[in-house]
Amino acid sequence: MSTDLQSVLIDVALWLYRAFFVPGDQFLAKFPELDLAGHARVVSAVLSIVIWLGAIALIVGTCKLVRVVDQTLTALAVRLYEDLQRAGRVVARRLAIAFRSFALERQARSARTEVFEQPALSTLQLRILQSHANLPPAHLLTANDIGRALDMRSTDVTVVLGTLRKLSLVDRTLGADDGEDGYRLTKAGEVFLASCSRTPPAKVVASSGRALRPKRIEPTLGST
């Protein structure tokens, strides 16, 4: 081993030796009455050992405390984030339900307003409108069907249906039955019949005894 390396190791050992006794020496310098028997080096060594062990214990305890606080804060942050996410989903769901309810209520109010603004219908118009009541879903009636049931000419029924269509009470489907147009109630027409108290919405039967036979709407047909 070279002389320089030995000198370095000796210097390091002396530095560690002096650093070890620094806490005890500083403590004895402030409280010299502790050296009662004149063994200052021994007392300084004991005090240094106690102080260094206390410092190590304090560092270890501080590290454990920091770890516990970090884990606790992390768990609280994760829980808070999950609660905020859950609350956000609940608020979004409730807002969507509220907006949907508002839209449906506005649509219903619009339909009621549209019905209330309808002019008074004649008895013939009301009978033709009532002939569409209680139709099965995706079914409709043609002018010939209504004419045979009410003992009327199909051309007169077509004129009345045109008037009802202008009032948005019935909807027309082109070419529903062998090229003949078919008709069915609109939402406004259903609301109108439900609110109408002049004539109960009963099935209209022809004088010849034949009831209305609705036609089913084909998927390829368009409506106007």
Protein backbone atom coordinates (compact mmCIF):
# COMPACT_ATOMS: atom_id res chain seq x y z
CA MET A 1 0.00 0.00 0.00
CA SER A 2 1.44 3.38 -0.97
CA THR A 3 2.27 6.08 1.52
CA ASP A 4 -0.23 8.51 0.02
CA LEU A 5 -3.09 6.03 0.38
CA GLN A 6 -2.13 5.32 3.97
CA SER A 7 -2.09 9.04 4.68
CA VAL A 8 -5.53 9.45 3.17
CA LEU A 9 -6.95 6.55 5.19
CA ILE A 10 -5.39 7.93 8.40
CA ASP A 11 -6.88 11.37 7.67
CA VAL A 12 -10.33 9.87 7.05
CA ALA A 13 -10.14 7.83 10.27
CA LEU A 14 -9.07 10.89 12.27
CA TRP A 15 -11.87 12.93 10.70
CA LEU A 16 -14.46 10.25 11.58
CA TYR A 17 -13.02 9.97 15.11
CA ARG A 18 -13.27 13.72 15.67
CA ALA A 19 -16.70 13.91 14.05
CA PHE A 20 -17.93 11.13 16.35
CA PHE A 21 -16.91 13.10 19.45
CA VAL A 22 -18.23 16.45 18.19
CA PRO A 23 -21.76 16.10 19.73
CA GLY A 24 -20.37 15.03 23.14
CA ASP A 25 -17.72 17.75 23.15
CA GLN A 26 -20.29 20.40 22.24
CA PHE A 27 -22.63 19.16 24.95
CA LEU A 28 -19.85 19.18 27.59
CA ALA A 29 -18.80 22.65 26.48
CA LYS A 30 -22.30 23.92 27.33
CA PHE A 31 -22.63 21.83 30.50
CA PRO A 32 -19.16 21.36 32.02
CA GLU A 33 -20.60 20.33 35.39
CA LEU A 34 -21.34 16.87 33.89
CA ASP A 35 -17.62 15.99 34.02
CA LEU A 36 -17.60 15.20 37.72
CA ALA A 37 -14.78 12.65 37.83
CA GLY A 38 -12.47 14.31 35.32
CA HIS A 39 -13.07 11.71 32.62
CA ALA A 40 -14.16 14.15 29.93
CA ARG A 41 -13.29 11.84 27.02
CA VAL A 42 -15.35 8.95 28.35
CA VAL A 43 -18.33 11.18 29.13
CA SER A 44 -18.04 12.78 25.68
CA ALA A 45 -18.00 9.33 24.05
CA VAL A 46 -21.11 8.22 25.96
CA LEU A 47 -22.94 11.42 25.12
CA SER A 48 -21.91 11.14 21.46
CA ILE A 49 -23.19 7.56 21.30
CA VAL A 50 -26.53 8.61 22.81
CA ILE A 51 -26.84 11.63 20.53
CA TRP A 52 -25.91 9.70 17.37
CA LEU A 53 -28.33 6.87 18.23
CA GLY A 54 -31.06 9.43 18.91
CA ALA A 55 -30.33 11.12 15.58
CA ILE A 56 -30.50 7.79 13.73
CA ALA A 57 -33.74 6.88 15.50
CA LEU A 58 -35.15 10.31 14.67
CA ILE A 59 -34.22 9.93 11.00
CA VAL A 60 -35.76 6.45 10.80
CA GLY A 61 -38.93 7.62 12.57
CA THR A 62 -39.17 10.63 10.29
CA CYS A 63 -38.84 8.43 7.20
CA LYS A 64 -41.57 6.09 8.47
CA LEU A 65 -43.81 9.04 9.29
CA VAL A 66 -43.27 10.53 5.84
CA ARG A 67 -44.09 7.15 4.26
CA VAL A 68 -47.29 6.79 6.30
CA VAL A 69 -48.38 10.36 5.53
CA ASP A 70 -47.64 9.82 1.83
CA GLN A 71 -49.69 6.59 1.73
CA THR A 72 -52.56 8.23 3.62
CA LEU A 73 -52.61 11.27 1.34
CA THR A 74 -52.39 9.06 -1.75
CA ALA A 75 -55.33 6.93 -0.57
CA LEU A 76 -57.35 10.08 0.21
CA ALA A 77 -56.54 11.54 -3.20
CA VAL A 78 -57.56 8.33 -4.98
CA ARG A 79 -60.78 8.11 -2.96
CA LEU A 80 -61.54 11.77 -3.61
CA TYR A 81 -60.93 11.28 -7.35
CA GLU A 82 -63.23 8.23 -7.45
CA ASP A 83 -65.93 10.10 -5.49
CA LEU A 84 -65.67 13.05 -7.87
CA GLN A 85 -65.94 10.72 -10.85
CA ARG A 86 -68.98 9.00 -9.33
CA ALA A 87 -70.59 12.34 -8.50
CA GLY A 88 -69.86 13.61 -12.01
CA ARG A 89 -71.53 10.56 -13.56
CA VAL A 90 -74.57 10.98 -11.29
CA VAL A 91 -74.85 14.68 -12.13
CA ALA A 92 -74.45 14.00 -15.85
CA ARG A 93 -77.09 11.25 -15.72
CA ARG A 94 -79.53 13.47 -13.83
CA LEU A 95 -78.93 16.37 -16.19
CA ALA A 96 -79.52 14.09 -19.17
CA ILE A 97 -82.78 12.87 -17.61
CA ALA A 98 -83.82 16.45 -16.83
CA PHE A 99 -83.07 17.62 -20.39
CA ARG A 100 -84.88 14.62 -21.84
CA SER A 101 -87.89 15.26 -19.61
CA PHE A 102 -87.85 18.93 -20.55
CA ALA A 103 -87.71 18.04 -24.26
CA LEU A 104 -90.59 15.58 -23.91
CA GLU A 105 -92.63 18.09 -21.91
CA ARG A 106 -91.98 20.80 -24.48
CA GLN A 107 -92.95 18.39 -27.27
CA ALA A 108 -96.14 17.46 -25.43
CA ARG A 109 -96.90 21.13 -24.75
CA SER A 110 -96.31 21.91 -28.41
CA ALA A 111 -98.66 19.10 -29.41
CA ARG A 112 -101.33 20.32 -26.98
CA THR A 113 -100.93 23.89 -28.26
CA GLU A 114 -101.18 22.67 -31.84
CA VAL A 115 -104.36 20.79 -30.99
CA PHE A 116 -105.90 23.70 -29.11
CA GLU A 117 -105.20 25.96 -32.09
CA GLN A 118 -107.05 23.64 -34.47
CA PRO A 119 -110.30 25.02 -35.85
CA ALA A 120 -113.57 23.31 -35.02
CA LEU A 121 -114.09 20.22 -37.16
CA SER A 122 -117.32 19.36 -38.87
CA THR A 123 -119.22 16.21 -38.02
CA LEU A 124 -118.01 14.52 -41.23
CA GLN A 125 -114.40 15.48 -40.60
CA LEU A 126 -114.67 14.21 -37.03
CA ARG A 127 -116.20 10.89 -38.18
CA ILE A 128 -113.44 10.35 -40.73
CA LEU A 129 -110.83 11.26 -38.13
CA GLN A 130 -112.39 8.85 -35.62
CA SER A 131 -112.32 6.07 -38.21
CA HIS A 132 -108.52 6.00 -37.72
CA ALA A 133 -108.81 5.47 -33.97
CA ASN A 134 -107.59 2.20 -32.48
CA LEU A 135 -105.62 1.24 -35.59
CA PRO A 136 -102.91 -1.36 -34.93
CA PRO A 137 -99.31 -0.11 -35.15
CA ALA A 138 -97.91 0.24 -38.68
CA HIS A 139 -101.42 -0.01 -40.24
CA LEU A 140 -103.40 2.58 -42.19
CA LEU A 141 -106.68 3.18 -44.03
CA THR A 142 -107.33 4.17 -47.63
CA ALA A 143 -110.02 6.50 -48.92
CA ASN A 144 -111.94 3.56 -50.41
CA ASP A 145 -111.93 1.76 -47.04
CA ILE A 146 -113.33 4.82 -45.26
CA GLY A 147 -115.81 5.48 -48.07
CA ARG A 148 -117.22 1.94 -47.95
CA ALA A 149 -117.42 2.08 -44.15
CA LEU A 150 -119.18 5.47 -44.04
CA ASP A 151 -121.21 4.96 -47.26
CA MET A 152 -119.50 7.85 -49.00
CA ARG A 153 -117.73 8.41 -52.29
CA SER A 154 -114.00 7.94 -52.12
CA THR A 155 -113.44 11.31 -53.83
CA ASP A 156 -115.33 13.10 -51.05
CA VAL A 157 -113.35 11.18 -48.44
CA THR A 158 -110.11 12.16 -50.21
CA VAL A 159 -111.08 15.84 -50.03
CA VAL A 160 -111.78 15.60 -46.30
CA LEU A 161 -108.56 13.68 -45.73
CA GLY A 162 -106.67 16.42 -47.56
CA THR A 163 -108.17 18.99 -45.19
CA LEU A 164 -107.25 16.90 -42.15
CA ARG A 165 -103.76 16.45 -43.54
CA LYS A 166 -103.34 20.22 -43.87
CA LEU A 167 -104.34 20.49 -40.21
CA SER A 168 -101.58 17.93 -39.37
CA LEU A 169 -104.15 15.52 -37.93
CA VAL A 170 -103.47 12.68 -40.39
CA ASP A 171 -100.40 11.58 -42.29
CA ARG A 172 -100.36 10.20 -45.82
CA THR A 173 -98.38 7.24 -47.14
CA LEU A 174 -98.07 7.06 -50.92
CA GLY A 175 -98.98 3.83 -52.69
CA ALA A 176 -99.98 1.92 -49.58
CA ASP A 177 -102.53 -0.44 -51.23
CA ASP A 178 -102.12 -1.18 -54.95
CA GLY A 179 -101.04 2.38 -55.66
CA GLU A 180 -103.73 3.94 -53.46
CA ASP A 181 -102.62 6.35 -50.75
CA GLY A 182 -103.05 5.32 -47.12
CA TYR A 183 -103.69 7.51 -44.08
CA ARG A 184 -103.07 7.26 -40.37
CA LEU A 185 -103.26 9.55 -37.35
CA THR A 186 -100.42 11.84 -36.41
CA LYS A 187 -99.45 12.55 -32.82
CA ALA A 188 -101.49 15.74 -32.97
CA GLY A 189 -104.45 13.75 -34.28
CA GLU A 190 -104.16 11.25 -31.44
CA VAL A 191 -104.04 14.06 -28.87
CA PHE A 192 -107.00 15.74 -30.55
CA LEU A 193 -109.13 12.60 -30.41
CA ALA A 194 -108.10 11.98 -26.80
CA SER A 195 -109.13 15.50 -25.81
CA CYS A 196 -112.31 15.56 -27.91
CA SER A 197 -115.45 14.96 -25.83
CA ARG A 198 -118.10 15.52 -28.47
CA THR A 199 -118.04 11.95 -29.82
CA PRO A 200 -116.48 8.90 -28.13
CA PRO A 201 -113.68 7.32 -30.18
CA ALA A 202 -115.62 4.17 -31.09
CA LYS A 203 -115.07 2.03 -34.15
CA VAL A 204 -117.03 3.30 -37.15
CA VAL A 205 -119.08 0.57 -38.86
CA ALA A 206 -120.46 0.90 -42.36
CA SER A 207 -124.16 0.87 -43.01
CA SER A 208 -123.63 -2.25 -45.08
CA GLY A 209 -122.24 -3.96 -41.97
CA ARG A 210 -118.61 -4.16 -43.11
CA ALA A 211 -116.00 -2.87 -40.66
CA LEU A 212 -112.84 -0.99 -41.58
CA ARG A 213 -109.94 -3.16 -42.64
CA PRO A 214 -106.65 -1.32 -42.15
CA LYS A 215 -103.69 -1.98 -44.39
CA ARG A 216 -100.24 -2.61 -43.03
CA ILE A 217 -97.53 -0.12 -44.06
CA GLU A 218 -94.84 -1.68 -46.21
CA PRO A 219 -91.22 -0.83 -45.31
CA THR A 220 -90.44 0.43 -48.83
CA LEU A 221 -93.18 3.05 -48.89
CA GLY A 222 -92.40 6.71 -48.22
CA SER A 223 -94.70 9.20 -46.46
CA THR A 224 -95.34 12.85 -47.14
